Amino acid sequence: MLLRTGKRLNRAPPGGGHDDDGLPLADEILLLIFAGLLDTDDLARCAATCRRWRRLVSSEASFICRSHPSRFVPAGFFHQGEEYGVRAVSRFVPLSPHTPRAAAAANALFAGEPFASSRLVTARKGRLVLELCGGASRLRLAVCDPVAGDVAVLPALAGRDRPGRYACALLAAGDDDDLSDMSSFRVVIVYDRRGFTACRTYSSDTGSWGPEGEVSGARVSGRSLAQAHAAAVVAGGAVFWRVRDAVLGLRLDGTPAEVTLEPLPEDWATTRRDGGEGCAGGLLAVWPADGRLCLCVVEAGMTRTRYDSIGWEYDVEVQVLFREHGGGEDDGEKWDALHARSATVRLQAPSGSYGRITRVCLRGLCEKSGVVFLAAGFASHDPHWEALYAVDLVKMDARLVDGVPDIGSGASFHGYEMDRVEYLTALGKRRGKGKMTIDDDAEDIYDFC
């Protein structure tokens, strides 16, 4: 049988091979069964069964996933705390117990220098952007795929080339037509220079930073860029960050690049700030159904809803404000407040919680999966303690994430997900057998710390 993958399967030799587990089913039949298991956890369990199944799942991942080519795995999140001015080591927490490889590989990346002392800047499409400690005179970033074990250390920006406070975004396949293949990426940084806002782009295809360019449009201060949410989202060919009561947008398809600062509708900008009790500032996301940019806001109900044998349950109001693709002439009209989506989400209180909810906060998101992470504080716990929930924006339901360490309100938090095909392919790789790429004329990165 010739599967539509452009190649014929390598059959096991008669009498059994080194990975033959004795099952009488042919490879083609097994692949048809695997293709019907649309749940990624099931496929990961199949790959862990024996060498033959692992080989089939990893080598034919594209065929298995072809019915859902855009499906992503909401794998979990990274968090990085700080105590007494000392940055802790980044840690990965998976949402599913069936992704031990992802958790082990990600945490192993931060086990030694220079990554143990690095700062996690952003996470997107299965890759992380890390800032390696390099002192005040240089900026050195690294892009890594923790599951595959691949690390690319970017050339340092030193001296006059070093930016000050900056906002960062990672673009991968599907975001940019100029990228040559699935493994290519671009890193974009926006920063403030004296008298203008600047932009610079690194391309993995060329292995170098492009020249610094002055962006047209709005002027954004370095303080505002530093306060921009770390997780940039990409929608409609542009990159967006949340900045105070506005949204910073960057388009890279023109020369020069254009930056816009779009104010949110007044009632959303002023009444839903972080200062109010029970309210939290919005988080940018991408609506999974049509790829529109949206703003998610959550507000807690201040009364308990009910108590049963499981425990207390609470209601929170989740609202989604959409940005129209076209928009009006006025920047504010690009946000359609009249057709905002609103739903009540019920939270199951963690064990030991019996007081009212005192605060809620949206901490991070999985951009392609439509999953946002919501942290909630309870009156019955330490003021700095938070319970964490994963909220599906489409279904508008939430589940408590068990076994989460105390992330604290000051911890850096980044949702993490990767492409389903890439994840299944990585199951067949030997752990830690990735590649590290460093520009040839750079100093040893281990001497930077």
Protein backbone atom coordinates (compact mmCIF):
# COMPACT_ATOMS: atom_id res chain seq x y z
CA MET A 1 0.00 0.00 0.00
CA LEU A 2 1.42 3.36 -0.99
CA LEU A 3 0.39 6.13 1.42
CA ARG A 4 0.03 9.65 0.07
CA THR A 5 3.15 10.91 1.74
CA GLY A 6 5.38 10.75 -1.34
CA LYS A 7 7.30 7.69 -0.17
CA ARG A 8 6.88 3.98 0.53
CA LEU A 9 7.14 2.75 4.09
CA ASN A 10 10.20 0.76 5.15
CA ARG A 11 8.79 -2.61 6.02
CA ALA A 12 10.29 -4.79 8.72
CA PRO A 13 12.31 -7.72 7.30
CA PRO A 14 10.78 -11.21 7.34
CA GLY A 15 11.17 -12.93 10.65
CA GLY A 16 11.16 -9.69 12.64
CA GLY A 17 13.52 -6.76 13.01
CA HIS A 18 15.22 -4.99 15.89
CA ASP A 19 12.05 -3.01 16.65
CA ASP A 20 9.53 -5.75 15.84
CA ASP A 21 7.24 -6.19 18.83
CA GLY A 22 5.57 -9.30 17.46
CA LEU A 23 2.27 -7.66 16.51
CA PRO A 24 0.81 -9.08 13.29
CA LEU A 25 -0.54 -5.69 12.10
CA ALA A 26 1.23 -4.17 9.12
CA ASP A 27 2.65 -0.66 9.29
CA GLU A 28 -0.08 0.68 6.99
CA ILE A 29 -2.85 -0.62 9.27
CA LEU A 30 -1.18 0.81 12.36
CA LEU A 31 -0.86 4.21 10.69
CA LEU A 32 -4.55 4.25 9.79
CA ILE A 33 -5.34 3.51 13.44
CA PHE A 34 -2.95 6.23 14.62
CA ALA A 35 -4.51 8.71 12.19
CA GLY A 36 -7.88 8.11 13.85
CA LEU A 37 -6.43 8.95 17.29
CA LEU A 38 -6.82 12.72 17.02
CA ASP A 39 -5.86 13.24 20.66
CA THR A 40 -2.17 14.07 20.92
CA ASP A 41 -1.88 12.47 24.35
CA ASP A 42 -3.01 9.14 22.87
CA LEU A 43 -0.38 9.38 20.13
CA ALA A 44 2.34 10.20 22.68
CA ARG A 45 1.34 7.11 24.68
CA CYS A 46 1.46 5.00 21.50
CA ALA A 47 4.95 6.29 20.71
CA ALA A 48 6.10 5.29 24.21
CA THR A 49 4.86 1.71 23.80
CA CYS A 50 7.70 0.27 21.71
CA ARG A 51 10.41 1.22 19.22
CA ARG A 52 8.33 0.24 16.22
CA TRP A 53 5.38 2.42 17.20
CA ARG A 54 7.67 5.31 18.08
CA ARG A 55 9.29 5.05 14.64
CA LEU A 56 5.91 5.05 12.88
CA VAL A 57 4.48 7.98 14.86
CA SER A 58 7.58 10.16 14.46
CA SER A 59 8.45 9.36 10.83
CA GLU A 60 4.86 9.58 9.52
CA ALA A 61 3.65 12.47 11.69
CA SER A 62 2.57 14.51 8.66
CA PHE A 63 0.35 11.69 7.37
CA ILE A 64 -1.15 11.06 10.82
CA CYS A 65 -1.98 14.74 11.33
CA ARG A 66 -3.07 15.62 7.78
CA SER A 67 -6.78 15.76 8.74
CA HIS A 68 -5.94 18.54 11.23
CA PRO A 69 -2.86 20.27 9.73
CA SER A 70 -3.27 23.45 11.80
CA ARG A 71 -3.96 21.75 15.12
CA PHE A 72 -1.64 22.87 17.91
CA VAL A 73 -0.81 21.30 21.25
CA PRO A 74 -1.37 23.53 24.29
CA ALA A 75 1.62 22.03 26.06
CA GLY A 76 1.83 24.22 29.16
CA PHE A 77 3.68 27.29 30.38
CA PHE A 78 7.03 28.60 31.51
CA HIS A 79 7.42 30.69 34.64
CA GLN A 80 10.42 32.47 36.10
CA GLY A 81 10.35 34.11 39.50
CA GLU A 82 12.64 36.66 41.11
CA GLU A 83 13.58 37.03 44.77
CA TYR A 84 15.72 39.80 46.28
CA GLY A 85 16.74 40.90 42.80
CA VAL A 86 18.02 37.44 41.83
CA ARG A 87 16.33 35.81 38.83
CA ALA A 88 15.28 32.20 39.37
CA VAL A 89 15.74 29.43 36.83
CA SER A 90 12.89 29.13 34.30
CA ARG A 91 10.67 26.11 34.81
CA PHE A 92 8.22 24.41 32.46
CA VAL A 93 4.87 23.04 33.68
CA PRO A 94 2.94 20.84 31.20
CA LEU A 95 -0.84 20.87 31.09
CA SER A 96 -0.95 17.18 30.25
CA PRO A 97 0.76 14.42 32.24
CA HIS A 98 1.43 12.60 28.95
CA THR A 99 4.08 15.02 27.68
CA PRO A 100 7.04 14.11 29.93
CA ARG A 101 9.53 14.55 27.09
CA ALA A 102 8.58 18.19 26.62
CA ALA A 103 8.88 18.92 30.34
CA ALA A 104 12.17 17.05 30.80
CA ALA A 105 13.78 18.56 27.71
CA ALA A 106 12.67 22.09 28.55
CA ASN A 107 13.87 21.93 32.15
CA ALA A 108 17.15 20.29 31.09
CA LEU A 109 17.85 23.30 28.87
CA PHE A 110 17.98 25.57 31.93
CA ALA A 111 20.04 23.17 34.05
CA GLY A 112 23.44 24.69 33.23
CA GLU A 113 25.08 27.88 32.07
CA PRO A 114 24.54 30.07 30.18
CA PHE A 115 20.81 29.32 30.16
CA ALA A 116 20.36 28.92 33.93
CA SER A 117 20.89 32.66 34.37
CA SER A 118 19.05 33.70 31.22
CA ARG A 119 15.85 35.75 31.11
CA LEU A 120 12.90 34.29 29.24
CA VAL A 121 11.75 37.04 26.88
CA THR A 122 8.94 35.35 24.97
CA ALA A 123 7.67 31.96 23.84
CA ARG A 124 5.86 31.21 20.62
CA LYS A 125 5.21 28.30 18.22
CA GLY A 126 7.37 25.85 20.11
CA ARG A 127 10.37 28.17 20.43
CA LEU A 128 11.71 30.32 23.24
CA VAL A 129 13.59 33.61 23.05
CA LEU A 130 16.09 33.99 25.88
CA GLU A 131 18.22 36.96 26.86
CA LEU A 132 21.63 35.72 27.96
CA CYS A 133 23.26 37.76 30.68
CA GLY A 134 25.84 39.88 28.93
CA GLY A 135 26.18 42.97 31.07
CA ALA A 136 25.09 46.50 30.29
CA SER A 137 27.28 46.79 27.19
CA ARG A 138 25.67 44.07 25.03
CA LEU A 139 22.42 42.31 24.23
CA ARG A 140 22.66 38.64 23.35
CA LEU A 141 19.56 36.61 22.49
CA ALA A 142 19.14 32.89 21.91
CA VAL A 143 16.26 31.12 20.16
CA CYS A 144 15.74 27.50 21.16
CA ASP A 145 13.38 24.61 20.59
CA PRO A 146 13.48 22.75 23.93
CA VAL A 147 11.78 19.59 22.64
CA ALA A 148 14.02 19.15 19.60
CA GLY A 149 17.05 20.45 21.54
CA ASP A 150 17.95 23.04 18.87
CA VAL A 151 19.56 26.29 20.03
CA ALA A 152 20.55 29.28 17.88
CA VAL A 153 22.63 31.93 19.66
CA LEU A 154 22.21 35.24 17.84
CA PRO A 155 25.05 37.73 17.24
CA ALA A 156 25.45 40.18 20.09
CA LEU A 157 24.29 43.77 19.75
CA ALA A 158 27.01 45.71 21.51
CA GLY A 159 28.13 49.29 21.90
CA ARG A 160 26.04 51.73 19.91
CA ASP A 161 24.06 48.85 18.42
CA ARG A 162 22.78 47.76 21.81
CA PRO A 163 19.13 48.76 22.30
CA GLY A 164 17.78 49.97 25.62
CA ARG A 165 14.35 48.86 26.73
CA TYR A 166 12.73 46.85 23.98
CA ALA A 167 9.72 44.80 22.97
CA CYS A 168 10.40 41.50 21.24
CA ALA A 169 8.48 39.21 18.89
CA LEU A 170 9.24 35.86 17.26
CA LEU A 171 7.92 35.13 13.76
CA ALA A 172 7.87 31.59 12.39
CA ALA A 173 6.47 29.70 9.41
CA GLY A 174 2.99 30.92 8.56
CA ASP A 175 3.68 34.43 9.90
CA ASP A 176 6.05 35.65 7.22
CA ASP A 177 6.16 34.74 3.51
CA ASP A 178 9.87 35.60 3.38
CA LEU A 179 10.81 32.64 5.60
CA SER A 180 12.24 29.83 3.49
CA ASP A 181 11.01 26.75 5.37
CA MET A 182 9.37 25.43 8.53
CA SER A 183 12.58 25.69 10.55
CA SER A 184 13.20 29.36 9.69
CA PHE A 185 12.36 32.22 12.04
CA ARG A 186 12.74 35.94 12.53
CA VAL A 187 13.29 37.89 15.74
CA VAL A 188 11.97 41.46 15.77
CA ILE A 189 12.85 44.03 18.42
CA VAL A 190 11.36 47.51 18.75
CA TYR A 191 13.15 50.05 20.95
CA ASP A 192 13.53 53.75 21.63
CA ARG A 193 16.35 55.89 20.30
CA ARG A 194 16.87 59.56 20.99
CA GLY A 195 14.31 61.27 18.79
CA PHE A 196 12.75 58.21 17.12
CA THR A 197 11.47 54.64 17.53
CA ALA A 198 13.76 52.02 15.98
CA CYS A 199 13.31 48.46 14.76
CA ARG A 200 15.74 45.67 13.99
CA THR A 201 15.22 42.14 12.64
CA TYR A 202 17.27 38.95 12.84
CA SER A 203 16.72 36.30 10.15
CA SER A 204 17.76 32.68 10.63
CA ASP A 205 18.08 32.36 6.84
CA THR A 206 20.91 34.91 6.72
CA GLY A 207 22.23 34.30 10.24
CA SER A 208 22.59 38.02 10.93
CA TRP A 209 20.81 41.12 12.17
CA GLY A 210 19.55 43.55 9.59
CA PRO A 211 20.38 47.25 9.79
CA GLU A 212 18.65 49.44 12.34
CA GLY A 213 15.70 51.26 10.82
CA GLU A 214 13.57 54.15 11.95
CA VAL A 215 9.91 53.17 11.93
CA SER A 216 7.22 55.50 10.67
CA GLY A 217 3.99 56.32 12.45
CA ALA A 218 3.68 56.72 16.20
CA ARG A 219 6.52 57.40 18.65
CA VAL A 220 6.70 54.96 21.58
CA SER A 221 8.78 55.64 24.68
CA GLY A 222 11.21 53.14 26.14
CA ARG A 223 9.21 53.02 29.36
CA SER A 224 6.09 52.02 27.48
CA LEU A 225 8.01 49.34 25.59
CA ALA A 226 9.37 47.96 28.84
CA GLN A 227 5.82 47.74 30.20
CA ALA A 228 4.49 46.03 27.07
CA HIS A 229 3.29 42.51 27.67
CA ALA A 230 6.07 40.08 26.85
CA ALA A 231 3.91 37.82 24.69
CA ALA A 232 3.50 39.47 21.30
CA VAL A 233 0.77 38.09 19.04
CA VAL A 234 0.71 38.00 15.25
CA ALA A 235 -2.51 38.67 13.33
CA GLY A 236 -3.20 39.90 9.81
CA GLY A 237 0.48 40.16 8.94
CA ALA A 238 1.31 42.49 11.85
CA VAL A 239 2.78 42.11 15.35
CA PHE A 240 0.90 43.48 18.38
CA TRP A 241 1.74 44.21 22.01
CA ARG A 242 -0.44 45.59 24.82
CA VAL A 243 0.84 48.98 26.01
CA ARG A 244 -1.06 50.63 28.88
CA ASP A 245 -4.54 51.57 27.52
CA ALA A 246 -3.57 51.03 23.89
CA VAL A 247 -2.28 48.40 21.51
CA LEU A 248 1.07 48.77 19.78
CA GLY A 249 1.08 47.39 16.24
CA LEU A 250 4.05 46.87 13.92
CA ARG A 251 3.85 46.14 10.20
CA LEU A 252 7.04 44.87 8.56
CA ASP A 253 5.83 44.65 4.96
CA GLY A 254 6.67 48.26 4.12
CA THR A 255 9.85 50.33 3.89
CA PRO A 256 10.24 51.71 6.45
CA ALA A 257 8.34 49.52 8.92
CA GLU A 258 5.24 51.21 10.31
CA VAL A 259 4.20 51.33 13.95
CA THR A 260 0.75 52.32 15.20
CA LEU A 261 -0.59 52.99 18.68
CA GLU A 262 -4.31 52.21 18.73
CA PRO A 263 -6.29 53.39 21.78
CA LEU A 264 -8.87 51.01 23.18
CA PRO A 265 -12.48 52.16 23.58
CA GLU A 266 -12.66 54.44 26.59
CA ASP A 267 -14.87 52.24 28.77
CA TRP A 268 -12.57 49.26 28.24
CA ALA A 269 -9.43 51.28 28.83
CA THR A 270 -10.46 53.08 32.02
CA THR A 271 -12.82 50.75 33.88
CA ARG A 272 -10.87 47.52 33.39
CA ARG A 273 -7.43 48.47 34.63
CA ASP A 274 -5.43 46.40 37.10
CA GLY A 275 -6.13 48.73 40.01
CA GLY A 276 -9.71 47.76 40.79
CA GLU A 277 -10.52 44.98 43.23
CA GLY A 278 -11.33 41.80 41.38
CA CYS A 279 -10.48 43.28 37.97
CA ALA A 280 -7.50 42.63 35.74
CA GLY A 281 -6.01 44.31 32.72
CA GLY A 282 -6.62 42.77 29.32
CA LEU A 283 -4.48 40.26 27.49
CA LEU A 284 -4.05 40.22 23.72
CA ALA A 285 -4.93 36.97 21.94
CA VAL A 286 -5.84 35.61 18.51
CA TRP A 287 -9.35 34.26 18.03
CA PRO A 288 -8.88 30.63 16.90
CA ALA A 289 -11.85 30.59 14.49
CA ASP A 290 -10.78 33.40 12.13
CA GLY A 291 -7.41 34.71 13.30
CA ARG A 292 -8.73 38.11 14.42
CA LEU A 293 -6.82 40.04 17.06
CA CYS A 294 -8.80 40.27 20.29
CA LEU A 295 -8.46 41.55 23.82
CA CYS A 296 -9.49 39.29 26.72
CA VAL A 297 -10.63 40.79 30.00
CA VAL A 298 -11.75 39.00 33.16
CA GLU A 299 -13.73 40.25 36.14
CA ALA A 300 -14.52 38.23 39.25
CA GLY A 301 -17.88 37.91 40.91
CA MET A 302 -17.47 38.73 44.59
CA THR A 303 -19.89 36.11 45.95
CA ARG A 304 -19.63 32.34 46.24
CA THR A 305 -21.93 30.48 43.90
CA ARG A 306 -22.36 27.15 45.64
CA TYR A 307 -20.67 24.45 47.69
CA ASP A 308 -20.82 20.70 47.08
CA SER A 309 -18.77 17.62 47.89
CA ILE A 310 -15.99 18.84 45.62
CA GLY A 311 -15.68 22.30 47.15
CA TRP A 312 -16.48 25.93 46.50
CA GLU A 313 -17.19 27.20 43.01
CA TYR A 314 -16.89 30.79 41.81
CA ASP A 315 -18.09 32.71 38.78
CA VAL A 316 -15.90 35.04 36.74
CA GLU A 317 -16.94 37.11 33.76
CA VAL A 318 -14.72 36.71 30.68
CA GLN A 319 -15.17 39.28 27.92
CA VAL A 320 -13.53 39.36 24.49
CA LEU A 321 -13.19 42.58 22.48
CA PHE A 322 -12.46 42.08 18.77
CA ARG A 323 -10.34 44.19 16.46
CA GLU A 324 -11.79 44.38 12.97
CA HIS A 325 -9.45 43.59 10.08
CA GLY A 326 -10.34 46.79 8.23
CA GLY A 327 -11.47 49.26 10.86
CA GLY A 328 -12.57 52.82 10.41
CA GLU A 329 -10.62 55.97 9.77
CA ASP A 330 -10.40 56.61 13.48
CA ASP A 331 -8.04 54.21 15.27
CA GLY A 332 -10.56 53.71 18.06
CA GLU A 333 -13.15 52.40 15.60
CA LYS A 334 -10.97 49.42 14.81
CA TRP A 335 -12.13 47.86 18.09
CA ASP A 336 -15.74 46.68 17.92
CA ALA A 337 -17.03 47.15 21.47
CA LEU A 338 -20.68 46.67 20.40
CA HIS A 339 -20.12 43.04 19.40
CA ALA A 340 -17.86 41.97 22.27
CA ARG A 341 -18.29 38.38 23.41
CA SER A 342 -19.11 37.77 27.07
CA ALA A 343 -19.57 34.60 29.09
CA THR A 344 -19.59 33.46 32.71
CA VAL A 345 -16.90 30.90 33.51
CA ARG A 346 -17.10 28.77 36.63
CA LEU A 347 -13.92 28.16 38.63
CA GLN A 348 -13.54 25.18 40.92
CA ALA A 349 -11.71 26.38 44.03
CA PRO A 350 -8.52 24.49 44.95
CA SER A 351 -8.35 22.39 48.08
CA GLY A 352 -8.23 24.50 51.24
CA SER A 353 -9.78 27.61 49.66
CA TYR A 354 -13.03 28.80 51.21
CA GLY A 355 -12.86 32.60 51.19
CA ARG A 356 -14.01 34.91 48.44
CA ILE A 357 -11.93 35.63 45.35
CA THR A 358 -9.91 38.78 45.99
CA ARG A 359 -8.21 39.17 42.62
CA VAL A 360 -8.01 37.65 39.16
CA CYS A 361 -5.35 38.14 36.53
CA LEU A 362 -4.76 36.86 33.00
CA ARG A 363 -1.16 35.69 33.01
CA GLY A 364 -0.45 34.25 29.55
CA LEU A 365 -1.86 32.43 26.55
CA CYS A 366 -1.39 29.68 24.01
CA GLU A 367 -1.93 31.76 20.89
CA LYS A 368 -3.05 29.14 18.37
CA SER A 369 -5.05 26.97 20.74
CA GLY A 370 -7.19 29.72 22.21
CA VAL A 371 -6.17 28.86 25.77
CA VAL A 372 -5.49 31.65 28.28
CA PHE A 373 -4.15 31.20 31.80
CA LEU A 374 -6.06 32.86 34.60
CA ALA A 375 -4.63 33.27 38.10
CA ALA A 376 -6.97 33.80 41.06
CA GLY A 377 -6.25 34.76 44.66
CA PHE A 378 -8.47 33.76 47.58
CA ALA A 379 -9.03 35.47 50.91
CA SER A 380 -8.30 32.23 52.78
CA HIS A 381 -4.73 32.00 51.46
CA ASP A 382 -1.49 33.91 51.66
CA PRO A 383 -1.85 37.26 49.81
CA HIS A 384 0.86 36.23 47.32
CA TRP A 385 -0.55 32.77 46.59
CA GLU A 386 -2.40 32.17 43.32
CA ALA A 387 -4.41 29.29 41.88
CA LEU A 388 -4.04 28.80 38.13
CA TYR A 389 -6.74 27.92 35.58
CA ALA A 390 -6.61 27.13 31.87
CA VAL A 391 -9.55 28.82 30.09
CA ASP A 392 -10.68 27.73 26.63
CA LEU A 393 -11.85 30.94 24.92
CA VAL A 394 -14.03 29.15 22.38
CA LYS A 395 -15.81 26.79 24.80
CA MET A 396 -15.62 29.34 27.63
CA ASP A 397 -14.82 26.74 30.26
CA ALA A 398 -12.00 26.52 32.76
CA ARG A 399 -10.10 23.78 34.52
CA LEU A 400 -7.85 24.01 37.53
CA VAL A 401 -4.20 23.30 36.72
CA ASP A 402 -2.99 20.93 39.44
CA GLY A 403 0.50 20.75 40.83
CA VAL A 404 1.44 24.32 39.95
CA PRO A 405 4.20 25.90 42.07
CA ASP A 406 3.65 29.28 43.68
CA ILE A 407 4.10 31.47 40.61
CA GLY A 408 3.48 34.73 42.45
CA SER A 409 2.26 37.94 40.89
CA GLY A 410 5.81 39.07 40.09
CA ALA A 411 6.85 35.94 38.20
CA SER A 412 7.48 36.01 34.47
CA PHE A 413 4.87 33.83 32.77
CA HIS A 414 4.71 32.58 29.16
CA GLY A 415 2.24 30.14 27.64
CA TYR A 416 3.92 27.51 25.48
CA GLU A 417 2.62 25.37 22.63
CA MET A 418 4.10 23.76 19.57
CA ASP A 419 3.00 22.39 16.23
CA ARG A 420 1.47 18.92 16.47
CA VAL A 421 3.49 17.47 13.59
CA GLU A 422 6.73 18.87 14.99
CA TYR A 423 5.95 17.49 18.44
CA LEU A 424 5.23 13.97 17.16
CA THR A 425 8.35 14.04 14.97
CA ALA A 426 10.45 14.99 17.98
CA LEU A 427 9.25 11.90 19.84
CA GLY A 428 11.57 9.83 17.65
CA LYS A 429 14.67 11.90 18.39
CA ARG A 430 17.14 11.02 21.08
CA ARG A 431 16.75 13.42 23.97
CA GLY A 432 19.17 16.30 23.89
CA LYS A 433 20.41 15.48 20.38
CA GLY A 434 19.67 18.85 18.87
CA LYS A 435 22.06 21.36 17.37
CA MET A 436 23.55 24.61 18.64
CA THR A 437 24.29 27.40 16.19
CA ILE A 438 26.57 30.30 17.16
CA ASP A 439 27.86 33.00 14.85
CA ASP A 440 31.51 32.33 13.96
CA ASP A 441 33.08 35.59 15.14
CA ALA A 442 31.45 35.67 18.57
CA GLU A 443 33.11 35.15 21.91
CA ASP A 444 32.31 32.02 23.89
CA ILE A 445 28.80 32.50 25.22
CA TYR A 446 29.81 30.77 28.45
CA ASP A 447 32.16 33.64 29.24
CA PHE A 448 29.34 36.20 29.25
CA CYS A 449 27.99 35.49 32.73
